[in-house]
Amino acid sequence: MTQSAAIVTGAAGDIGAAIAARLADDHDVVFLADIDAAAAAVTASKLGPDNRFVAAGCDVTSEASIAELVGRAAGAGVVRTLVNNAGAARATSLHETTPEIWRADMALNLEAAFLCFRAFEPMLKASKGSVVNIASVNGMHVFGHPAYSAAKAGLLHFTRLVAVEYGKFGIRSNAVAPGTVKTQAWEARAAANPNVFEEARRWYPLQRVVDPKDVANAVAFLAGPLTAAITGVCLPVDCGLTAGQAELARTFSQSEHY
């Protein structure tokens, strides 16, 4: 029996690791792809046996590196799910954004998803698979980090493009847009400012920030059979932020918490 595989990029981080762990519930093999191969290996070893959680060094801005990942995945089974999770934000304001930062953010947060999708396209057609792009509330509203935000807005449109053009092949394409997620970066902020979580809570109707497992559950939902008729959508996972707190959160974002 052919094994089903999932690909998670940027998988060495907290969000990627949570997504990989969750997708293992309904995939035989999960590839944890990350530019930091050593960190990916550590994360994979923590999640489970190496025949189920496979660490793979991959630069998602490099076609050659992605091609190597495709080759490894092809030997493990049929790719049913691609999660474009890799991403990072650099400059916090437009004034601080240099052309180099702009291009780098576009390459990692937008172009990489395009490159990965095109590389895995034949396998996704064969499996009638699912693409889940990890966008951000920054792609929906102005919360700072302009290059990152513009790239994430583009990623949302790319999500819809795939849904419309590839639906005839049975491929579904959706996005998850997290708000502030409690990762190790936030723990560092908390060490510098013990009140950081209390300050953040007031901007969110649910009075908390997002946990990586919240994002992972949303990804698994969109990639799974319960959403067989859902494609081209963006699911905010933001504890209610975008429901009506955008103006307040914009002020909060200027203190570099996004």
C-alpha atoms as a PDB file:
ATOM      1  CA  MET A   1       0.000   0.000   0.000  1.00  0.00           C
ATOM      2  CA  THR A   2       1.401   3.407  -1.007  1.00  0.00           C
ATOM      3  CA  GLN A   3       2.212   5.693   1.872  1.00  0.00           C
ATOM      4  CA  SER A   4       0.724   9.171   2.097  1.00  0.00           C
ATOM      5  CA  ALA A   5       3.142  12.008   2.746  1.00  0.00           C
ATOM      6  CA  ALA A   6       2.913  15.595   3.909  1.00  0.00           C
ATOM      7  CA  ILE A   7       5.492  18.327   3.360  1.00  0.00           C
ATOM      8  CA  VAL A   8       5.889  21.119   5.913  1.00  0.00           C
ATOM      9  CA  THR A   9       8.362  23.887   5.150  1.00  0.00           C
ATOM     10  CA  GLY A  10       9.926  25.946   7.911  1.00  0.00           C
ATOM     11  CA  ALA A  11       9.295  22.934  10.108  1.00  0.00           C
ATOM     12  CA  ALA A  12      12.077  23.466  12.649  1.00  0.00           C
ATOM     13  CA  GLY A  13      10.172  26.333  14.267  1.00  0.00           C
ATOM     14  CA  ASP A  14       7.377  26.070  16.798  1.00  0.00           C
ATOM     15  CA  ILE A  15       4.533  26.497  14.308  1.00  0.00           C
ATOM     16  CA  GLY A  16       6.036  24.142  11.742  1.00  0.00           C
ATOM     17  CA  ALA A  17       6.728  21.500  14.371  1.00  0.00           C
ATOM     18  CA  ALA A  18       3.150  21.687  15.653  1.00  0.00           C
ATOM     19  CA  ILE A  19       1.813  21.345  12.107  1.00  0.00           C
ATOM     20  CA  ALA A  20       4.049  18.341  11.437  1.00  0.00           C
ATOM     21  CA  ALA A  21       2.941  16.636  14.637  1.00  0.00           C
ATOM     22  CA  ARG A  22      -0.733  17.184  13.837  1.00  0.00           C
ATOM     23  CA  LEU A  23      -0.478  16.027  10.213  1.00  0.00           C
ATOM     24  CA  ALA A  24       1.086  12.770  11.372  1.00  0.00           C
ATOM     25  CA  ASP A  25      -2.368  11.818  12.652  1.00  0.00           C
ATOM     26  CA  ASP A  26      -3.556  11.229   9.086  1.00  0.00           C
ATOM     27  CA  HIS A  27      -0.376  10.925   7.008  1.00  0.00           C
ATOM     28  CA  ASP A  28       2.079   8.035   7.051  1.00  0.00           C
ATOM     29  CA  VAL A  29       5.155  10.235   6.602  1.00  0.00           C
ATOM     30  CA  VAL A  30       5.755  13.910   7.331  1.00  0.00           C
ATOM     31  CA  PHE A  31       8.752  15.699   5.861  1.00  0.00           C
ATOM     32  CA  LEU A  32      10.088  18.479   8.050  1.00  0.00           C
ATOM     33  CA  ALA A  33      11.836  20.782   5.586  1.00  0.00           C
ATOM     34  CA  ASP A  34      13.921  23.643   6.879  1.00  0.00           C
ATOM     35  CA  ILE A  35      16.948  25.647   5.785  1.00  0.00           C
ATOM     36  CA  ASP A  36      18.495  24.651   9.133  1.00  0.00           C
ATOM     37  CA  ALA A  37      18.866  20.912   8.580  1.00  0.00           C
ATOM     38  CA  ALA A  38      20.307  20.296  12.036  1.00  0.00           C
ATOM     39  CA  ALA A  39      17.384  22.052  13.746  1.00  0.00           C
ATOM     40  CA  ALA A  40      14.934  20.105  11.590  1.00  0.00           C
ATOM     41  CA  ALA A  41      16.613  16.865  12.633  1.00  0.00           C
ATOM     42  CA  VAL A  42      16.314  17.772  16.319  1.00  0.00           C
ATOM     43  CA  THR A  43      12.642  18.654  15.891  1.00  0.00           C
ATOM     44  CA  ALA A  44      11.916  15.466  13.963  1.00  0.00           C
ATOM     45  CA  SER A  45      13.609  13.308  16.596  1.00  0.00           C
ATOM     46  CA  LYS A  46      11.434  14.879  19.286  1.00  0.00           C
ATOM     47  CA  LEU A  47       8.244  14.162  17.341  1.00  0.00           C
ATOM     48  CA  GLY A  48       8.791  10.475  16.695  1.00  0.00           C
ATOM     49  CA  PRO A  49      10.556   7.743  14.707  1.00  0.00           C
ATOM     50  CA  ASP A  50      12.546   8.719  11.635  1.00  0.00           C
ATOM     51  CA  ASN A  51      10.423   6.568   9.351  1.00  0.00           C
ATOM     52  CA  ARG A  52       7.464   8.834  10.134  1.00  0.00           C
ATOM     53  CA  PHE A  53       9.119  12.206  10.710  1.00  0.00           C
ATOM     54  CA  VAL A  54      11.779  12.870   8.105  1.00  0.00           C
ATOM     55  CA  ALA A  55      14.064  15.881   8.479  1.00  0.00           C
ATOM     56  CA  ALA A  56      15.165  17.496   5.236  1.00  0.00           C
ATOM     57  CA  GLY A  57      17.442  20.460   4.735  1.00  0.00           C
ATOM     58  CA  CYS A  58      15.857  22.708   2.132  1.00  0.00           C
ATOM     59  CA  ASP A  59      16.208  26.304   1.004  1.00  0.00           C
ATOM     60  CA  VAL A  60      12.722  27.066  -0.253  1.00  0.00           C
ATOM     61  CA  THR A  61      14.002  30.047  -2.246  1.00  0.00           C
ATOM     62  CA  SER A  62      16.173  27.695  -4.342  1.00  0.00           C
ATOM     63  CA  GLU A  63      14.668  25.644  -7.162  1.00  0.00           C
ATOM     64  CA  ALA A  64      17.559  23.176  -6.986  1.00  0.00           C
ATOM     65  CA  SER A  65      17.121  22.636  -3.263  1.00  0.00           C
ATOM     66  CA  ILE A  66      13.374  22.150  -3.649  1.00  0.00           C
ATOM     67  CA  ALA A  67      13.997  19.633  -6.443  1.00  0.00           C
ATOM     68  CA  GLU A  68      16.109  17.569  -4.037  1.00  0.00           C
ATOM     69  CA  LEU A  69      13.235  17.607  -1.540  1.00  0.00           C
ATOM     70  CA  VAL A  70      10.820  16.450  -4.231  1.00  0.00           C
ATOM     71  CA  GLY A  71      13.134  13.565  -5.049  1.00  0.00           C
ATOM     72  CA  ARG A  72      13.295  12.455  -1.436  1.00  0.00           C
ATOM     73  CA  ALA A  73       9.545  12.721  -1.018  1.00  0.00           C
ATOM     74  CA  ALA A  74       8.904  10.735  -4.204  1.00  0.00           C
ATOM     75  CA  GLY A  75      10.773   7.816  -2.712  1.00  0.00           C
ATOM     76  CA  ALA A  76       8.671   7.817   0.439  1.00  0.00           C
ATOM     77  CA  GLY A  77       5.132   7.856  -0.927  1.00  0.00           C
ATOM     78  CA  VAL A  78       2.535  10.065  -2.560  1.00  0.00           C
ATOM     79  CA  VAL A  79       2.477  13.664  -1.394  1.00  0.00           C
ATOM     80  CA  ARG A  80      -1.065  14.459  -0.334  1.00  0.00           C
ATOM     81  CA  THR A  81      -0.470  17.703   1.537  1.00  0.00           C
ATOM     82  CA  LEU A  82       1.892  20.626   1.015  1.00  0.00           C
ATOM     83  CA  VAL A  83       2.115  23.219   3.773  1.00  0.00           C
ATOM     84  CA  ASN A  84       4.014  26.360   2.810  1.00  0.00           C
ATOM     85  CA  ASN A  85       4.913  27.523   6.301  1.00  0.00           C
ATOM     86  CA  ALA A  86       8.426  28.950   5.919  1.00  0.00           C
ATOM     87  CA  GLY A  87       8.531  32.683   6.455  1.00  0.00           C
ATOM     88  CA  ALA A  88      10.116  35.562   8.326  1.00  0.00           C
ATOM     89  CA  ALA A  89       9.706  39.297   8.800  1.00  0.00           C
ATOM     90  CA  ARG A  90      12.541  41.788   8.843  1.00  0.00           C
ATOM     91  CA  ALA A  91      12.027  45.572   8.880  1.00  0.00           C
ATOM     92  CA  THR A  92       9.186  46.834  11.070  1.00  0.00           C
ATOM     93  CA  SER A  93       8.439  50.008   9.107  1.00  0.00           C
ATOM     94  CA  LEU A  94       8.402  51.075   5.469  1.00  0.00           C
ATOM     95  CA  HIS A  95      11.074  53.663   6.207  1.00  0.00           C
ATOM     96  CA  GLU A  96      13.393  50.921   7.494  1.00  0.00           C
ATOM     97  CA  THR A  97      12.715  48.660   4.521  1.00  0.00           C
ATOM     98  CA  THR A  98      15.615  48.612   2.070  1.00  0.00           C
ATOM     99  CA  PRO A  99      15.297  47.187  -1.464  1.00  0.00           C
ATOM    100  CA  GLU A 100      17.336  44.197  -0.279  1.00  0.00           C
ATOM    101  CA  ILE A 101      14.940  43.528   2.610  1.00  0.00           C
ATOM    102  CA  TRP A 102      11.942  43.947   0.305  1.00  0.00           C
ATOM    103  CA  ARG A 103      13.280  41.416  -2.191  1.00  0.00           C
ATOM    104  CA  ALA A 104      14.338  38.958   0.518  1.00  0.00           C
ATOM    105  CA  ASP A 105      10.922  39.063   2.192  1.00  0.00           C
ATOM    106  CA  MET A 106       9.176  38.583  -1.133  1.00  0.00           C
ATOM    107  CA  ALA A 107      11.407  35.630  -1.996  1.00  0.00           C
ATOM    108  CA  LEU A 108      10.826  33.800   1.287  1.00  0.00           C
ATOM    109  CA  ASN A 109       7.213  34.699   2.048  1.00  0.00           C
ATOM    110  CA  LEU A 110       5.705  34.611  -1.448  1.00  0.00           C
ATOM    111  CA  GLU A 111       7.928  33.270  -4.214  1.00  0.00           C
ATOM    112  CA  ALA A 112       8.932  30.224  -2.157  1.00  0.00           C
ATOM    113  CA  ALA A 113       5.309  29.062  -1.987  1.00  0.00           C
ATOM    114  CA  PHE A 114       5.057  29.367  -5.773  1.00  0.00           C
ATOM    115  CA  LEU A 115       8.294  27.421  -6.288  1.00  0.00           C
ATOM    116  CA  CYS A 116       7.272  24.665  -3.885  1.00  0.00           C
ATOM    117  CA  PHE A 117       3.821  24.331  -5.376  1.00  0.00           C
ATOM    118  CA  ARG A 118       5.111  24.090  -8.934  1.00  0.00           C
ATOM    119  CA  ALA A 119       7.706  21.515  -7.886  1.00  0.00           C
ATOM    120  CA  PHE A 120       5.141  19.317  -6.115  1.00  0.00           C
ATOM    121  CA  GLU A 121       2.369  19.995  -8.631  1.00  0.00           C
ATOM    122  CA  PRO A 122       2.607  16.593 -10.418  1.00  0.00           C
ATOM    123  CA  MET A 123       2.420  14.699  -7.118  1.00  0.00           C
ATOM    124  CA  LEU A 124      -0.476  16.812  -5.872  1.00  0.00           C
ATOM    125  CA  LYS A 125      -2.346  16.177  -9.120  1.00  0.00           C
ATOM    126  CA  ALA A 126      -1.796  12.449  -8.701  1.00  0.00           C
ATOM    127  CA  SER A 127      -3.130  12.471  -5.141  1.00  0.00           C
ATOM    128  CA  LYS A 128      -5.794  15.153  -5.691  1.00  0.00           C
ATOM    129  CA  GLY A 129      -4.039  16.755  -2.805  1.00  0.00           C
ATOM    130  CA  SER A 130      -4.237  19.859  -0.699  1.00  0.00           C
ATOM    131  CA  VAL A 131      -2.111  22.987  -0.380  1.00  0.00           C
ATOM    132  CA  VAL A 132      -2.258  25.031   2.805  1.00  0.00           C
ATOM    133  CA  ASN A 133      -0.373  28.311   2.818  1.00  0.00           C
ATOM    134  CA  ILE A 134       0.492  29.917   6.143  1.00  0.00           C
ATOM    135  CA  ALA A 135      -0.313  33.567   5.590  1.00  0.00           C
ATOM    136  CA  SER A 136      -0.825  36.142   8.343  1.00  0.00           C
ATOM    137  CA  VAL A 137      -3.266  38.736   9.597  1.00  0.00           C
ATOM    138  CA  ASN A 138      -0.573  41.111   8.334  1.00  0.00           C
ATOM    139  CA  GLY A 139      -1.653  40.198   4.828  1.00  0.00           C
ATOM    140  CA  MET A 140      -5.206  41.279   5.644  1.00  0.00           C
ATOM    141  CA  HIS A 141      -4.614  44.545   7.546  1.00  0.00           C
ATOM    142  CA  VAL A 142      -1.787  47.003   8.150  1.00  0.00           C
ATOM    143  CA  PHE A 143       0.075  45.836  11.258  1.00  0.00           C
ATOM    144  CA  GLY A 144       3.642  46.857  10.416  1.00  0.00           C
ATOM    145  CA  HIS A 145       6.401  44.787   8.757  1.00  0.00           C
ATOM    146  CA  PRO A 146       5.472  46.133   5.299  1.00  0.00           C
ATOM    147  CA  ALA A 147       7.512  43.848   3.032  1.00  0.00           C
ATOM    148  CA  TYR A 148       6.405  40.752   4.937  1.00  0.00           C
ATOM    149  CA  SER A 149       2.816  41.995   4.945  1.00  0.00           C
ATOM    150  CA  ALA A 150       2.776  42.731   1.212  1.00  0.00           C
ATOM    151  CA  ALA A 151       4.193  39.275   0.556  1.00  0.00           C
ATOM    152  CA  LYS A 152       1.536  37.635   2.736  1.00  0.00           C
ATOM    153  CA  ALA A 153      -1.184  39.579   0.919  1.00  0.00           C
ATOM    154  CA  GLY A 154       0.253  38.227  -2.306  1.00  0.00           C
ATOM    155  CA  LEU A 155       0.262  34.744  -0.796  1.00  0.00           C
ATOM    156  CA  LEU A 156      -3.469  35.013  -0.156  1.00  0.00           C
ATOM    157  CA  HIS A 157      -4.050  35.896  -3.803  1.00  0.00           C
ATOM    158  CA  PHE A 158      -1.756  33.071  -4.903  1.00  0.00           C
ATOM    159  CA  THR A 159      -3.847  30.730  -2.766  1.00  0.00           C
ATOM    160  CA  ARG A 160      -6.945  31.715  -4.727  1.00  0.00           C
ATOM    161  CA  LEU A 161      -5.112  31.430  -8.059  1.00  0.00           C
ATOM    162  CA  VAL A 162      -4.196  27.822  -7.322  1.00  0.00           C
ATOM    163  CA  ALA A 163      -7.724  27.051  -6.178  1.00  0.00           C
ATOM    164  CA  VAL A 164      -9.254  28.378  -9.381  1.00  0.00           C
ATOM    165  CA  GLU A 165      -6.765  27.011 -11.889  1.00  0.00           C
ATOM    166  CA  TYR A 166      -6.068  23.623 -10.313  1.00  0.00           C
ATOM    167  CA  GLY A 167      -9.472  22.743  -8.958  1.00  0.00           C
ATOM    168  CA  LYS A 168     -10.121  20.757 -12.132  1.00  0.00           C
ATOM    169  CA  PHE A 169      -7.326  18.415 -11.051  1.00  0.00           C
ATOM    170  CA  GLY A 170      -8.867  17.905  -7.642  1.00  0.00           C
ATOM    171  CA  ILE A 171      -6.284  20.067  -5.894  1.00  0.00           C
ATOM    172  CA  ARG A 172      -7.601  22.248  -3.090  1.00  0.00           C
ATOM    173  CA  SER A 173      -5.757  25.389  -1.988  1.00  0.00           C
ATOM    174  CA  ASN A 174      -6.463  27.282   1.215  1.00  0.00           C
ATOM    175  CA  ALA A 175      -4.674  29.573   3.639  1.00  0.00           C
ATOM    176  CA  VAL A 176      -4.443  30.034   7.380  1.00  0.00           C
ATOM    177  CA  ALA A 177      -3.814  33.556   8.675  1.00  0.00           C
ATOM    178  CA  PRO A 178      -2.521  33.475  12.251  1.00  0.00           C
ATOM    179  CA  GLY A 179      -2.470  36.435  14.556  1.00  0.00           C
ATOM    180  CA  THR A 180       0.251  36.694  17.179  1.00  0.00           C
ATOM    181  CA  VAL A 181       1.472  33.175  17.965  1.00  0.00           C
ATOM    182  CA  LYS A 182       3.113  32.245  21.261  1.00  0.00           C
ATOM    183  CA  THR A 183       6.466  30.957  20.019  1.00  0.00           C
ATOM    184  CA  GLN A 184       9.990  31.021  21.416  1.00  0.00           C
ATOM    185  CA  ALA A 185      10.364  34.553  20.065  1.00  0.00           C
ATOM    186  CA  TRP A 186       7.537  35.607  22.361  1.00  0.00           C
ATOM    187  CA  GLU A 187       9.169  33.852  25.280  1.00  0.00           C
ATOM    188  CA  ALA A 188      12.242  36.019  24.691  1.00  0.00           C
ATOM    189  CA  ARG A 189      10.047  39.114  24.742  1.00  0.00           C
ATOM    190  CA  ALA A 190       8.452  37.923  27.963  1.00  0.00           C
ATOM    191  CA  ALA A 191      11.885  37.572  29.520  1.00  0.00           C
ATOM    192  CA  ALA A 192      12.571  41.214  28.657  1.00  0.00           C
ATOM    193  CA  ASN A 193       9.069  42.361  29.597  1.00  0.00           C
ATOM    194  CA  PRO A 194       7.124  40.095  31.991  1.00  0.00           C
ATOM    195  CA  ASN A 195       3.917  41.970  31.167  1.00  0.00           C
ATOM    196  CA  VAL A 196       4.103  41.377  27.408  1.00  0.00           C
ATOM    197  CA  PHE A 197       1.342  38.749  27.347  1.00  0.00           C
ATOM    198  CA  GLU A 198      -0.953  40.848  29.505  1.00  0.00           C
ATOM    199  CA  GLU A 199      -0.358  43.791  27.181  1.00  0.00           C
ATOM    200  CA  ALA A 200      -1.125  41.644  24.151  1.00  0.00           C
ATOM    201  CA  ARG A 201      -4.291  40.070  25.547  1.00  0.00           C
ATOM    202  CA  ARG A 202      -6.292  43.285  25.497  1.00  0.00           C
ATOM    203  CA  TRP A 203      -6.211  43.448  21.699  1.00  0.00           C
ATOM    204  CA  TYR A 204      -7.779  40.002  21.309  1.00  0.00           C
ATOM    205  CA  PRO A 205     -11.476  39.267  21.971  1.00  0.00           C
ATOM    206  CA  LEU A 206     -10.571  35.803  23.296  1.00  0.00           C
ATOM    207  CA  GLN A 207      -8.137  37.471  25.701  1.00  0.00           C
ATOM    208  CA  ARG A 208      -5.186  35.365  24.634  1.00  0.00           C
ATOM    209  CA  VAL A 209      -2.727  34.963  21.779  1.00  0.00           C
ATOM    210  CA  VAL A 210      -2.600  31.994  19.440  1.00  0.00           C
ATOM    211  CA  ASP A 211      -0.867  28.736  20.354  1.00  0.00           C
ATOM    212  CA  PRO A 212       1.046  26.830  17.633  1.00  0.00           C
ATOM    213  CA  LYS A 213      -1.385  23.941  18.117  1.00  0.00           C
ATOM    214  CA  ASP A 214      -4.256  26.267  17.150  1.00  0.00           C
ATOM    215  CA  VAL A 215      -2.568  26.857  13.799  1.00  0.00           C
ATOM    216  CA  ALA A 216      -1.806  23.159  13.394  1.00  0.00           C
ATOM    217  CA  ASN A 217      -5.430  22.186  14.011  1.00  0.00           C
ATOM    218  CA  ALA A 218      -6.602  24.661  11.388  1.00  0.00           C
ATOM    219  CA  VAL A 219      -4.105  23.287   8.860  1.00  0.00           C
ATOM    220  CA  ALA A 220      -5.194  19.710   9.522  1.00  0.00           C
ATOM    221  CA  PHE A 221      -8.834  20.742   9.150  1.00  0.00           C
ATOM    222  CA  LEU A 222      -8.270  22.450   5.794  1.00  0.00           C
ATOM    223  CA  ALA A 223      -6.123  19.582   4.518  1.00  0.00           C
ATOM    224  CA  GLY A 224      -8.562  16.890   5.631  1.00  0.00           C
ATOM    225  CA  PRO A 225     -11.718  15.274   4.269  1.00  0.00           C
ATOM    226  CA  LEU A 226     -14.132  17.451   6.245  1.00  0.00           C
ATOM    227  CA  THR A 227     -13.265  20.361   3.937  1.00  0.00           C
ATOM    228  CA  ALA A 228     -13.535  18.447   0.668  1.00  0.00           C
ATOM    229  CA  ALA A 229     -15.714  21.207  -0.827  1.00  0.00           C
ATOM    230  CA  ILE A 230     -13.677  24.121   0.543  1.00  0.00           C
ATOM    231  CA  THR A 231     -11.008  25.765  -1.574  1.00  0.00           C
ATOM    232  CA  GLY A 232      -9.694  29.272  -2.128  1.00  0.00           C
ATOM    233  CA  VAL A 233     -10.434  30.509   1.381  1.00  0.00           C
ATOM    234  CA  CYS A 234      -8.391  32.187   4.088  1.00  0.00           C
ATOM    235  CA  LEU A 235      -9.126  31.049   7.637  1.00  0.00           C
ATOM    236  CA  PRO A 236      -8.001  33.589  10.251  1.00  0.00           C
ATOM    237  CA  VAL A 237      -6.669  31.929  13.392  1.00  0.00           C
ATOM    238  CA  ASP A 238      -6.306  35.099  15.419  1.00  0.00           C
ATOM    239  CA  CYS A 239      -8.371  34.862  18.616  1.00  0.00           C
ATOM    240  CA  GLY A 240     -10.810  37.342  17.091  1.00  0.00           C
ATOM    241  CA  LEU A 241      -8.320  40.089  16.202  1.00  0.00           C
ATOM    242  CA  THR A 242      -9.571  40.748  12.669  1.00  0.00           C
ATOM    243  CA  ALA A 243     -13.206  40.613  13.734  1.00  0.00           C
ATOM    244  CA  GLY A 244     -13.035  44.165  14.941  1.00  0.00           C
ATOM    245  CA  GLN A 245      -9.813  45.058  16.689  1.00  0.00           C
ATOM    246  CA  ALA A 246      -7.756  46.164  13.702  1.00  0.00           C
ATOM    247  CA  GLU A 247      -7.425  49.815  14.679  1.00  0.00           C
ATOM    248  CA  LEU A 248      -6.333  49.025  18.222  1.00  0.00           C
ATOM    249  CA  ALA A 249      -3.965  46.324  17.037  1.00  0.00           C
ATOM    250  CA  ARG A 250      -2.407  48.724  14.553  1.00  0.00           C
ATOM    251  CA  THR A 251      -1.302  50.872  17.469  1.00  0.00           C
ATOM    252  CA  PHE A 252      -0.019  47.795  19.269  1.00  0.00           C
ATOM    253  CA  SER A 253       1.929  46.676  16.186  1.00  0.00           C
ATOM    254  CA  GLN A 254       3.910  49.872  16.179  1.00  0.00           C
ATOM    255  CA  SER A 255       5.554  48.751  19.415  1.00  0.00           C
ATOM    256  CA  GLU A 256       7.104  45.883  17.396  1.00  0.00           C
ATOM    257  CA  HIS A 257       5.082  43.048  18.856  1.00  0.00           C
ATOM    258  CA  TYR A 258       4.042  41.671  15.443  1.00  0.00           C
END
